[in-house]
N, C-alpha and C. Protein backbone atom coordinates (compact mmCIF):
# COMPACT_ATOMS: atom_id res chain seq x y z
N UNK A 1 133.34 82.96 95.64
CA UNK A 1 132.38 83.81 94.96
C UNK A 1 130.98 83.20 95.06
N UNK A 2 129.99 84.05 95.23
CA UNK A 2 128.60 83.59 95.32
C UNK A 2 127.80 84.18 94.16
N UNK A 3 127.26 83.31 93.32
CA UNK A 3 126.38 83.72 92.23
C UNK A 3 124.95 83.39 92.64
N UNK A 4 124.04 84.34 92.48
CA UNK A 4 122.64 84.12 92.81
C UNK A 4 121.79 84.09 91.55
N UNK A 5 120.84 83.15 91.50
CA UNK A 5 119.94 83.03 90.36
C UNK A 5 118.50 83.13 90.85
N UNK A 6 117.76 84.07 90.30
CA UNK A 6 116.36 84.27 90.64
C UNK A 6 115.53 84.24 89.36
N UNK A 7 114.25 83.99 89.49
CA UNK A 7 113.36 83.97 88.33
C UNK A 7 112.06 83.28 88.71
N UNK A 8 111.02 83.54 87.94
CA UNK A 8 109.72 82.96 88.23
C UNK A 8 109.68 81.46 88.04
N UNK A 9 108.62 80.85 88.50
CA UNK A 9 108.42 79.41 88.35
C UNK A 9 108.40 79.04 86.87
N UNK A 10 109.21 78.05 86.49
CA UNK A 10 109.24 77.62 85.11
C UNK A 10 110.06 78.52 84.19
N UNK A 11 110.82 79.44 84.77
CA UNK A 11 111.61 80.36 83.95
C UNK A 11 112.88 79.73 83.41
N UNK A 12 113.35 78.66 84.06
CA UNK A 12 114.57 77.99 83.61
C UNK A 12 115.76 78.22 84.52
N UNK A 13 115.49 78.51 85.80
CA UNK A 13 116.58 78.74 86.76
C UNK A 13 117.49 77.52 86.86
N UNK A 14 116.89 76.34 87.00
CA UNK A 14 117.69 75.12 87.18
C UNK A 14 118.51 74.80 85.94
N UNK A 15 117.93 75.03 84.77
CA UNK A 15 118.67 74.78 83.52
C UNK A 15 119.89 75.68 83.44
N UNK A 16 119.72 76.96 83.76
CA UNK A 16 120.84 77.89 83.74
C UNK A 16 121.86 77.51 84.80
N UNK A 17 121.40 77.16 85.97
CA UNK A 17 122.30 76.74 87.05
C UNK A 17 123.17 75.58 86.60
N UNK A 18 122.54 74.56 86.01
CA UNK A 18 123.29 73.37 85.57
C UNK A 18 124.29 73.72 84.48
N UNK A 19 123.90 74.64 83.62
CA UNK A 19 124.82 75.03 82.55
C UNK A 19 126.02 75.78 83.10
N UNK A 20 125.78 76.65 84.08
CA UNK A 20 126.89 77.36 84.71
C UNK A 20 127.80 76.40 85.47
N UNK A 21 127.20 75.45 86.17
CA UNK A 21 127.98 74.48 86.93
C UNK A 21 128.87 73.66 86.01
N UNK A 22 128.36 73.32 84.84
CA UNK A 22 129.16 72.57 83.88
C UNK A 22 130.24 73.45 83.26
N UNK A 23 129.88 74.68 82.94
CA UNK A 23 130.82 75.60 82.31
C UNK A 23 132.02 75.88 83.22
N UNK A 24 131.75 75.95 84.53
CA UNK A 24 132.81 76.27 85.49
C UNK A 24 133.13 75.09 86.39
N UNK A 25 133.06 73.92 85.83
CA UNK A 25 133.21 72.70 86.64
C UNK A 25 134.60 72.57 87.26
N UNK A 26 135.61 73.25 86.69
CA UNK A 26 136.95 73.16 87.29
C UNK A 26 136.99 73.76 88.69
N UNK A 27 135.99 74.60 89.02
CA UNK A 27 135.92 75.18 90.36
C UNK A 27 135.14 74.28 91.34
N UNK A 28 134.60 73.18 90.82
CA UNK A 28 133.78 72.26 91.62
C UNK A 28 132.70 73.02 92.38
N UNK A 29 131.84 73.76 91.65
CA UNK A 29 130.85 74.62 92.30
C UNK A 29 129.88 73.86 93.20
N UNK A 30 129.52 74.50 94.29
CA UNK A 30 128.47 73.99 95.17
C UNK A 30 127.16 74.66 94.78
N UNK A 31 126.07 73.93 94.92
CA UNK A 31 124.75 74.46 94.57
C UNK A 31 123.88 74.49 95.82
N UNK A 32 123.32 75.66 96.09
CA UNK A 32 122.46 75.86 97.25
C UNK A 32 121.07 76.22 96.74
N UNK A 33 120.11 75.30 96.89
CA UNK A 33 118.75 75.55 96.43
C UNK A 33 117.87 75.96 97.60
N UNK A 34 117.24 77.12 97.48
CA UNK A 34 116.35 77.59 98.53
C UNK A 34 115.11 76.71 98.66
N UNK A 35 114.80 75.93 97.62
CA UNK A 35 113.65 75.03 97.67
C UNK A 35 113.77 74.01 98.80
N UNK A 36 114.99 73.70 99.23
CA UNK A 36 115.18 72.69 100.26
C UNK A 36 114.79 73.18 101.66
N UNK A 37 114.31 74.41 101.74
CA UNK A 37 114.00 74.98 103.06
C UNK A 37 112.50 75.25 103.25
N UNK A 38 111.67 74.58 102.46
CA UNK A 38 110.24 74.69 102.68
C UNK A 38 109.87 74.10 104.04
N UNK A 39 109.02 74.79 104.75
CA UNK A 39 108.52 74.31 106.03
C UNK A 39 107.60 73.11 105.80
N UNK A 40 107.36 72.31 106.85
CA UNK A 40 106.40 71.20 106.73
C UNK A 40 105.04 71.72 106.29
N UNK A 41 104.31 70.89 105.59
CA UNK A 41 103.04 71.33 105.00
C UNK A 41 102.05 71.82 106.04
N UNK A 42 102.12 71.27 107.25
CA UNK A 42 101.19 71.70 108.29
C UNK A 42 101.49 73.12 108.79
N UNK A 43 102.65 73.64 108.44
CA UNK A 43 103.00 75.01 108.83
C UNK A 43 102.79 76.02 107.70
N UNK A 44 102.31 75.53 106.56
CA UNK A 44 102.14 76.42 105.41
C UNK A 44 100.81 77.18 105.47
N UNK A 45 100.79 78.32 104.81
CA UNK A 45 99.58 79.13 104.71
C UNK A 45 98.65 78.55 103.64
N UNK A 46 97.35 78.54 103.94
CA UNK A 46 96.38 78.09 102.95
C UNK A 46 95.55 79.29 102.50
N UNK A 47 95.09 79.24 101.26
CA UNK A 47 94.27 80.34 100.74
C UNK A 47 92.81 80.17 101.13
N UNK A 48 91.95 81.03 100.60
CA UNK A 48 90.54 81.00 100.99
C UNK A 48 89.82 79.73 100.54
N UNK A 49 90.44 78.99 99.62
CA UNK A 49 89.87 77.71 99.18
C UNK A 49 90.48 76.52 99.93
N UNK A 50 91.36 76.82 100.87
CA UNK A 50 91.99 75.75 101.64
C UNK A 50 93.17 75.10 100.94
N UNK A 51 93.67 75.75 99.88
CA UNK A 51 94.80 75.21 99.12
C UNK A 51 96.10 75.81 99.64
N UNK A 52 97.08 74.96 99.89
CA UNK A 52 98.37 75.43 100.40
C UNK A 52 99.03 76.34 99.37
N UNK A 53 99.51 77.48 99.86
CA UNK A 53 100.20 78.43 98.99
C UNK A 53 101.71 78.38 99.30
N UNK A 54 102.44 77.71 98.40
CA UNK A 54 103.89 77.59 98.56
C UNK A 54 104.64 78.80 98.01
N UNK A 55 103.90 79.75 97.42
CA UNK A 55 104.53 80.87 96.74
C UNK A 55 104.51 82.14 97.59
N UNK A 56 104.84 81.97 98.85
CA UNK A 56 104.93 83.09 99.78
C UNK A 56 106.29 83.04 100.47
N UNK A 57 106.88 84.18 100.78
CA UNK A 57 108.16 84.17 101.50
C UNK A 57 108.10 83.41 102.82
N UNK A 58 106.92 83.38 103.44
CA UNK A 58 106.76 82.68 104.72
C UNK A 58 106.78 81.17 104.56
N UNK A 59 106.80 80.67 103.32
CA UNK A 59 106.78 79.22 103.09
C UNK A 59 108.11 78.56 103.45
N UNK A 60 109.17 79.35 103.51
CA UNK A 60 110.50 78.80 103.78
C UNK A 60 110.93 79.06 105.21
N UNK A 61 111.79 78.17 105.71
CA UNK A 61 112.40 78.35 107.02
C UNK A 61 113.61 79.26 106.82
N UNK A 62 113.36 80.54 106.90
CA UNK A 62 114.37 81.53 106.58
C UNK A 62 115.57 81.47 107.53
N UNK A 63 115.32 81.26 108.80
CA UNK A 63 116.40 81.23 109.78
C UNK A 63 117.38 80.09 109.50
N UNK A 64 116.85 78.91 109.21
CA UNK A 64 117.71 77.76 108.91
C UNK A 64 118.44 77.97 107.59
N UNK A 65 117.73 78.53 106.63
CA UNK A 65 118.32 78.81 105.32
C UNK A 65 119.55 79.71 105.47
N UNK A 66 119.41 80.79 106.22
CA UNK A 66 120.51 81.73 106.39
C UNK A 66 121.66 81.11 107.18
N UNK A 67 121.33 80.30 108.17
CA UNK A 67 122.37 79.64 108.96
C UNK A 67 123.20 78.71 108.08
N UNK A 68 122.53 77.91 107.25
CA UNK A 68 123.25 76.98 106.38
C UNK A 68 124.04 77.71 105.30
N UNK A 69 123.45 78.76 104.76
CA UNK A 69 124.16 79.53 103.75
C UNK A 69 125.44 80.13 104.31
N UNK A 70 125.37 80.65 105.51
CA UNK A 70 126.56 81.22 106.15
C UNK A 70 127.61 80.15 106.41
N UNK A 71 127.17 78.95 106.77
CA UNK A 71 128.13 77.86 106.98
C UNK A 71 128.91 77.58 105.70
N UNK A 72 128.22 77.49 104.59
CA UNK A 72 128.88 77.22 103.32
C UNK A 72 129.85 78.34 102.95
N UNK A 73 129.38 79.57 103.11
CA UNK A 73 130.22 80.72 102.77
C UNK A 73 131.47 80.76 103.65
N UNK A 74 131.33 80.28 104.88
CA UNK A 74 132.46 80.27 105.82
C UNK A 74 133.29 78.99 105.75
N UNK A 75 133.02 78.17 104.71
CA UNK A 75 133.85 77.00 104.48
C UNK A 75 133.46 75.74 105.22
N UNK A 76 132.23 75.68 105.71
CA UNK A 76 131.77 74.50 106.45
C UNK A 76 130.72 73.74 105.63
N UNK A 77 130.79 72.40 105.60
CA UNK A 77 129.78 71.62 104.89
C UNK A 77 128.45 71.64 105.64
N UNK A 78 127.38 71.41 104.91
CA UNK A 78 126.06 71.34 105.54
C UNK A 78 125.35 70.06 105.11
N UNK A 79 124.37 69.66 105.90
CA UNK A 79 123.48 68.57 105.54
C UNK A 79 122.06 69.13 105.50
N UNK A 80 121.33 68.81 104.46
CA UNK A 80 119.98 69.34 104.31
C UNK A 80 119.09 68.27 103.68
N UNK A 81 117.83 68.27 104.08
CA UNK A 81 116.87 67.34 103.47
C UNK A 81 116.44 67.90 102.11
N UNK A 82 116.65 67.13 101.07
CA UNK A 82 116.27 67.56 99.73
C UNK A 82 114.75 67.51 99.59
N UNK A 83 114.17 68.66 99.29
CA UNK A 83 112.72 68.75 99.24
C UNK A 83 112.17 68.15 97.95
N UNK A 84 111.13 67.33 98.09
CA UNK A 84 110.46 66.72 96.94
C UNK A 84 109.02 67.22 96.91
N UNK A 85 108.70 68.05 95.93
CA UNK A 85 107.35 68.60 95.83
C UNK A 85 106.32 67.50 95.65
N UNK A 86 105.27 67.58 96.49
CA UNK A 86 104.13 66.69 96.37
C UNK A 86 104.53 65.21 96.40
N UNK A 87 105.57 64.91 97.19
CA UNK A 87 106.07 63.53 97.23
C UNK A 87 105.81 62.86 98.58
N UNK A 88 104.78 63.31 99.26
CA UNK A 88 104.38 62.66 100.50
C UNK A 88 105.42 62.75 101.61
N UNK A 89 106.21 63.82 101.60
CA UNK A 89 107.20 63.99 102.65
C UNK A 89 108.45 63.16 102.45
N UNK A 90 108.57 62.48 101.29
CA UNK A 90 109.74 61.66 101.01
C UNK A 90 110.93 62.55 100.67
N UNK A 91 111.92 62.59 101.58
CA UNK A 91 113.09 63.43 101.39
C UNK A 91 114.34 62.61 101.61
N UNK A 92 115.45 63.05 101.01
CA UNK A 92 116.72 62.38 101.27
C UNK A 92 117.72 63.41 101.78
N UNK A 93 118.57 62.96 102.66
CA UNK A 93 119.57 63.84 103.26
C UNK A 93 120.75 63.97 102.31
N UNK A 94 121.09 65.21 101.98
CA UNK A 94 122.22 65.44 101.09
C UNK A 94 123.26 66.30 101.81
N UNK A 95 124.51 66.08 101.45
CA UNK A 95 125.61 66.88 101.99
C UNK A 95 126.08 67.84 100.92
N UNK A 96 126.22 69.10 101.28
CA UNK A 96 126.74 70.11 100.36
C UNK A 96 128.05 70.62 100.94
N UNK A 97 129.10 70.45 100.17
CA UNK A 97 130.42 70.87 100.61
C UNK A 97 130.72 72.29 100.14
N UNK A 98 131.50 73.03 100.89
CA UNK A 98 131.86 74.39 100.48
C UNK A 98 132.74 74.36 99.23
N UNK A 99 132.75 75.47 98.52
CA UNK A 99 133.55 75.58 97.30
C UNK A 99 133.90 77.04 97.08
N UNK A 100 134.91 77.27 96.26
CA UNK A 100 135.25 78.66 95.94
C UNK A 100 134.20 79.30 95.05
N UNK A 101 133.32 78.49 94.46
CA UNK A 101 132.20 79.00 93.67
C UNK A 101 130.91 78.40 94.20
N UNK A 102 130.04 79.24 94.72
CA UNK A 102 128.76 78.80 95.26
C UNK A 102 127.64 79.43 94.44
N UNK A 103 126.71 78.60 93.98
CA UNK A 103 125.56 79.08 93.20
C UNK A 103 124.31 78.92 94.04
N UNK A 104 123.64 80.04 94.33
CA UNK A 104 122.42 80.05 95.14
C UNK A 104 121.24 80.31 94.22
N UNK A 105 120.21 79.48 94.35
CA UNK A 105 119.06 79.59 93.44
C UNK A 105 117.76 79.58 94.23
N UNK A 106 116.84 80.49 93.87
CA UNK A 106 115.54 80.48 94.55
C UNK A 106 114.66 81.65 94.18
N UNK A 107 113.37 81.48 94.44
CA UNK A 107 112.39 82.52 94.15
C UNK A 107 112.66 83.81 94.91
N UNK A 108 113.03 83.67 96.18
CA UNK A 108 113.09 84.83 97.07
C UNK A 108 114.51 85.34 97.28
N UNK A 109 115.36 85.16 96.28
CA UNK A 109 116.75 85.60 96.37
C UNK A 109 116.85 87.07 96.73
N UNK A 110 116.00 87.91 96.11
CA UNK A 110 116.03 89.35 96.37
C UNK A 110 115.11 89.74 97.53
N UNK A 111 113.99 89.06 97.64
CA UNK A 111 113.03 89.38 98.70
C UNK A 111 113.65 89.16 100.08
N UNK A 112 114.45 88.11 100.21
CA UNK A 112 115.21 87.89 101.45
C UNK A 112 116.46 88.76 101.35
N UNK A 113 116.41 89.93 101.91
CA UNK A 113 117.51 90.88 101.75
C UNK A 113 118.81 90.35 102.37
N UNK A 114 118.69 89.53 103.40
CA UNK A 114 119.89 88.96 104.00
C UNK A 114 120.62 88.02 103.03
N UNK A 115 119.87 87.41 102.12
CA UNK A 115 120.48 86.53 101.12
C UNK A 115 121.19 87.33 100.03
N UNK A 116 120.49 88.30 99.45
CA UNK A 116 121.08 89.05 98.35
C UNK A 116 122.31 89.82 98.82
N UNK A 117 122.36 90.17 100.09
CA UNK A 117 123.54 90.86 100.62
C UNK A 117 124.78 89.96 100.64
N UNK A 118 124.55 88.65 100.59
CA UNK A 118 125.64 87.69 100.59
C UNK A 118 126.06 87.28 99.18
N UNK A 119 125.36 87.77 98.19
CA UNK A 119 125.60 87.40 96.79
C UNK A 119 126.52 88.42 96.13
N UNK A 120 127.51 87.90 95.41
CA UNK A 120 128.47 88.77 94.71
C UNK A 120 127.97 89.18 93.32
N UNK A 121 127.17 88.31 92.70
CA UNK A 121 126.70 88.58 91.34
C UNK A 121 125.34 87.93 91.17
N UNK A 122 124.34 88.72 90.79
CA UNK A 122 122.96 88.21 90.72
C UNK A 122 122.46 88.15 89.28
N UNK A 123 121.70 87.10 89.00
CA UNK A 123 121.13 86.89 87.67
C UNK A 123 119.62 86.73 87.81
N UNK A 124 118.86 87.45 87.01
CA UNK A 124 117.41 87.31 86.97
C UNK A 124 117.04 86.64 85.66
N UNK A 125 116.41 85.47 85.73
CA UNK A 125 116.01 84.73 84.54
C UNK A 125 114.63 85.21 84.12
N UNK A 126 114.54 85.74 82.93
CA UNK A 126 113.30 86.34 82.43
C UNK A 126 112.81 85.58 81.21
N UNK A 127 111.51 85.30 81.18
CA UNK A 127 110.91 84.59 80.05
C UNK A 127 109.42 84.92 80.01
N UNK A 128 108.82 84.79 78.83
CA UNK A 128 107.40 85.10 78.67
C UNK A 128 106.54 84.21 79.56
N UNK A 129 105.49 84.77 80.20
CA UNK A 129 104.63 83.98 81.09
C UNK A 129 104.05 82.73 80.43
N UNK A 130 103.68 82.80 79.15
CA UNK A 130 103.11 81.62 78.48
C UNK A 130 104.11 80.46 78.44
N UNK A 131 105.38 80.79 78.21
CA UNK A 131 106.41 79.75 78.21
C UNK A 131 106.57 79.17 79.61
N UNK A 132 106.55 80.03 80.61
CA UNK A 132 106.65 79.56 81.99
C UNK A 132 105.51 78.60 82.33
N UNK A 133 104.29 78.98 81.97
CA UNK A 133 103.13 78.14 82.29
C UNK A 133 103.22 76.81 81.57
N UNK A 134 103.60 76.82 80.29
CA UNK A 134 103.72 75.56 79.54
C UNK A 134 104.75 74.64 80.21
N UNK A 135 105.87 75.21 80.63
CA UNK A 135 106.90 74.40 81.29
C UNK A 135 106.41 73.86 82.62
N UNK A 136 105.67 74.70 83.35
CA UNK A 136 105.17 74.27 84.66
C UNK A 136 104.15 73.15 84.52
N UNK A 137 103.27 73.26 83.54
CA UNK A 137 102.29 72.21 83.30
C UNK A 137 102.98 70.89 82.99
N UNK A 138 103.97 70.94 82.11
CA UNK A 138 104.70 69.73 81.73
C UNK A 138 105.43 69.14 82.93
N UNK A 139 106.13 70.00 83.67
CA UNK A 139 106.93 69.53 84.81
C UNK A 139 106.07 68.99 85.93
N UNK A 140 105.05 69.75 86.33
CA UNK A 140 104.28 69.37 87.51
C UNK A 140 103.37 68.18 87.28
N UNK A 141 102.92 67.98 86.05
CA UNK A 141 102.15 66.78 85.74
C UNK A 141 103.06 65.56 85.69
N UNK A 142 104.22 65.75 85.08
CA UNK A 142 105.12 64.63 84.84
C UNK A 142 105.86 64.17 86.10
N UNK A 143 106.41 65.13 86.87
CA UNK A 143 107.28 64.74 87.97
C UNK A 143 106.73 65.03 89.36
N UNK A 144 105.67 65.84 89.45
CA UNK A 144 105.17 66.20 90.77
C UNK A 144 103.76 65.70 91.05
N UNK A 145 103.13 65.09 90.07
CA UNK A 145 101.85 64.43 90.29
C UNK A 145 100.65 65.34 90.42
N UNK A 146 100.75 66.59 89.96
CA UNK A 146 99.62 67.51 90.02
C UNK A 146 98.76 67.36 88.76
N UNK A 147 97.46 67.57 88.93
CA UNK A 147 96.56 67.57 87.77
C UNK A 147 96.66 68.91 87.05
N UNK A 148 96.22 68.95 85.80
CA UNK A 148 96.26 70.20 85.05
C UNK A 148 95.44 71.29 85.73
N UNK A 149 94.28 70.93 86.27
CA UNK A 149 93.42 71.93 86.92
C UNK A 149 94.10 72.49 88.17
N UNK A 150 94.80 71.64 88.93
CA UNK A 150 95.52 72.11 90.11
C UNK A 150 96.63 73.08 89.72
N UNK A 151 97.32 72.76 88.64
CA UNK A 151 98.43 73.61 88.17
C UNK A 151 97.91 74.98 87.74
N UNK A 152 96.83 74.98 86.98
CA UNK A 152 96.25 76.24 86.51
C UNK A 152 95.76 77.08 87.68
N UNK A 153 95.12 76.43 88.66
CA UNK A 153 94.65 77.16 89.85
C UNK A 153 95.83 77.80 90.57
N UNK A 154 96.89 77.03 90.82
CA UNK A 154 98.06 77.57 91.52
C UNK A 154 98.68 78.70 90.71
N UNK A 155 98.71 78.54 89.41
CA UNK A 155 99.32 79.57 88.55
C UNK A 155 98.58 80.90 88.70
N UNK A 156 97.28 80.86 88.60
CA UNK A 156 96.49 82.09 88.64
C UNK A 156 96.40 82.71 90.03
N UNK A 157 96.35 81.86 91.06
CA UNK A 157 96.09 82.36 92.40
C UNK A 157 97.32 82.50 93.30
N UNK A 158 98.38 81.78 92.95
CA UNK A 158 99.58 81.81 93.78
C UNK A 158 100.82 82.30 93.02
N UNK A 159 101.09 81.67 91.88
CA UNK A 159 102.35 81.92 91.17
C UNK A 159 102.41 83.35 90.62
N UNK A 160 101.39 83.77 89.91
CA UNK A 160 101.40 85.11 89.32
C UNK A 160 101.42 86.20 90.40
N UNK A 161 100.56 86.13 91.43
CA UNK A 161 100.66 87.15 92.49
C UNK A 161 102.03 87.17 93.16
N UNK A 162 102.64 85.99 93.36
CA UNK A 162 103.98 85.91 93.95
C UNK A 162 104.99 86.63 93.07
N UNK A 163 104.95 86.34 91.78
CA UNK A 163 105.90 86.95 90.86
C UNK A 163 105.76 88.48 90.86
N UNK A 164 104.52 88.94 90.80
CA UNK A 164 104.28 90.39 90.72
C UNK A 164 104.70 91.12 91.99
N UNK A 165 104.58 90.45 93.14
CA UNK A 165 104.89 91.12 94.41
C UNK A 165 106.31 90.90 94.90
N UNK A 166 106.85 89.68 94.71
CA UNK A 166 108.11 89.34 95.35
C UNK A 166 109.29 89.15 94.40
N UNK A 167 109.05 89.17 93.09
CA UNK A 167 110.15 88.97 92.15
C UNK A 167 110.30 90.14 91.18
N UNK A 168 109.24 90.44 90.47
CA UNK A 168 109.31 91.45 89.41
C UNK A 168 109.87 92.80 89.89
N UNK A 169 109.51 93.27 91.09
CA UNK A 169 110.02 94.57 91.52
C UNK A 169 111.55 94.65 91.61
N UNK A 170 112.22 93.49 91.65
CA UNK A 170 113.66 93.48 91.84
C UNK A 170 114.46 93.27 90.56
N UNK A 171 113.78 93.14 89.43
CA UNK A 171 114.49 92.79 88.20
C UNK A 171 115.58 93.81 87.86
N UNK A 172 115.32 95.08 88.19
CA UNK A 172 116.30 96.13 87.88
C UNK A 172 117.52 96.06 88.80
N UNK A 173 117.41 95.34 89.91
CA UNK A 173 118.54 95.20 90.83
C UNK A 173 119.56 94.17 90.35
N UNK A 174 119.12 93.28 89.49
CA UNK A 174 119.99 92.17 89.07
C UNK A 174 121.20 92.69 88.29
N UNK A 175 122.32 92.04 88.50
CA UNK A 175 123.53 92.39 87.74
C UNK A 175 123.39 91.99 86.28
N UNK A 176 122.59 90.95 86.02
CA UNK A 176 122.41 90.48 84.64
C UNK A 176 121.00 89.92 84.49
N UNK A 177 120.30 90.33 83.45
CA UNK A 177 118.99 89.76 83.12
C UNK A 177 119.19 88.79 81.98
N UNK A 178 118.92 87.53 82.25
CA UNK A 178 119.11 86.45 81.28
C UNK A 178 117.78 86.13 80.63
N UNK A 179 117.66 86.40 79.34
CA UNK A 179 116.42 86.16 78.61
C UNK A 179 116.42 84.72 78.11
N UNK A 180 115.60 83.90 78.75
CA UNK A 180 115.58 82.47 78.43
C UNK A 180 114.58 82.19 77.30
N UNK A 181 114.87 82.76 76.14
CA UNK A 181 114.03 82.57 74.96
C UNK A 181 114.96 82.43 73.77
N UNK A 182 114.59 82.99 72.61
CA UNK A 182 115.46 82.86 71.44
C UNK A 182 116.79 83.59 71.63
N UNK A 183 116.90 84.38 72.69
CA UNK A 183 118.14 85.11 72.96
C UNK A 183 119.06 84.38 73.93
N UNK A 184 118.69 83.17 74.36
CA UNK A 184 119.40 82.54 75.46
C UNK A 184 120.88 82.29 75.16
N UNK A 185 121.22 81.91 73.93
CA UNK A 185 122.61 81.62 73.61
C UNK A 185 123.46 82.90 73.61
N UNK A 186 122.92 83.94 73.03
CA UNK A 186 123.62 85.23 73.03
C UNK A 186 123.79 85.73 74.45
N UNK A 187 122.74 85.61 75.26
CA UNK A 187 122.81 86.08 76.64
C UNK A 187 123.81 85.26 77.45
N UNK A 188 123.87 83.96 77.19
CA UNK A 188 124.81 83.12 77.94
C UNK A 188 126.25 83.52 77.61
N UNK A 189 126.49 83.85 76.37
CA UNK A 189 127.82 84.31 75.97
C UNK A 189 128.16 85.61 76.68
N UNK A 190 127.20 86.53 76.75
CA UNK A 190 127.43 87.80 77.43
C UNK A 190 127.62 87.61 78.93
N UNK A 191 126.89 86.67 79.50
CA UNK A 191 127.01 86.37 80.92
C UNK A 191 128.41 85.87 81.24
N UNK A 192 128.91 84.94 80.44
CA UNK A 192 130.26 84.42 80.67
C UNK A 192 131.31 85.53 80.52
N UNK A 193 131.08 86.41 79.58
CA UNK A 193 132.00 87.52 79.36
C UNK A 193 132.06 88.41 80.60
N UNK A 194 130.90 88.72 81.17
CA UNK A 194 130.87 89.56 82.36
C UNK A 194 131.55 88.88 83.55
N UNK A 195 131.30 87.59 83.72
CA UNK A 195 131.90 86.86 84.84
C UNK A 195 133.42 86.80 84.71
N UNK A 196 133.90 86.75 83.48
CA UNK A 196 135.34 86.75 83.27
C UNK A 196 135.93 88.13 83.55
N UNK A 197 135.24 89.17 83.08
CA UNK A 197 135.75 90.53 83.26
C UNK A 197 135.72 90.97 84.72
N UNK A 198 134.64 90.65 85.42
CA UNK A 198 134.46 91.12 86.79
C UNK A 198 135.18 90.26 87.82
N UNK A 199 135.20 88.93 87.59
CA UNK A 199 135.71 88.02 88.63
C UNK A 199 136.79 87.06 88.13
N UNK A 200 137.15 87.22 86.87
CA UNK A 200 138.17 86.36 86.26
C UNK A 200 137.79 84.89 86.31
N UNK A 201 136.49 84.59 86.21
CA UNK A 201 136.06 83.20 86.15
C UNK A 201 136.38 82.65 84.76
N UNK A 202 137.09 81.56 84.74
CA UNK A 202 137.51 80.96 83.48
C UNK A 202 136.68 79.71 83.20
N UNK A 203 136.05 79.67 82.05
CA UNK A 203 135.26 78.50 81.68
C UNK A 203 136.14 77.37 81.22
N UNK A 204 135.60 76.17 81.24
CA UNK A 204 136.37 75.00 80.80
C UNK A 204 136.59 75.04 79.29
């Protein structure tokens, strides 16, 4: 089974992914992050200010992403360089083994139609923009080395336009909309209920 998780930057995709992986750990789920397929920085598009825009579908190596995803779905392990944002190209090679439960996570889950066609159940993580921005500021300053001004610039000029064009239009397509706010616990309960009813996934 392939579960897909989509949502804007700072929406909590990784947190939900980790919670699902723990909840269904008896299946030894594999995790496929689309973030690991960013092209080298010299191949990225820059905006009118000369700032690299990572929030475009063209930012990822789509062909390699699809090839590796198909390998996993067909029961073959893959090796991929784990992408480290703003880490000077420092990457480590990781092996992802196939599993009966595969969780795919990324911004362009729906925009890449070839990906969503391979997904059995899709989740859209929804949260208020202010919460997303607060999380992004905390995360990108703490772990990615960006200044507050850089984060705000990217948010206004890259992140929001990306969300409005490549994510928001697909929210109605999702099998489940997960509200990552005060409703998160109730929604997680409902999500598990649906996964049990539709696919007989049993939690630990």
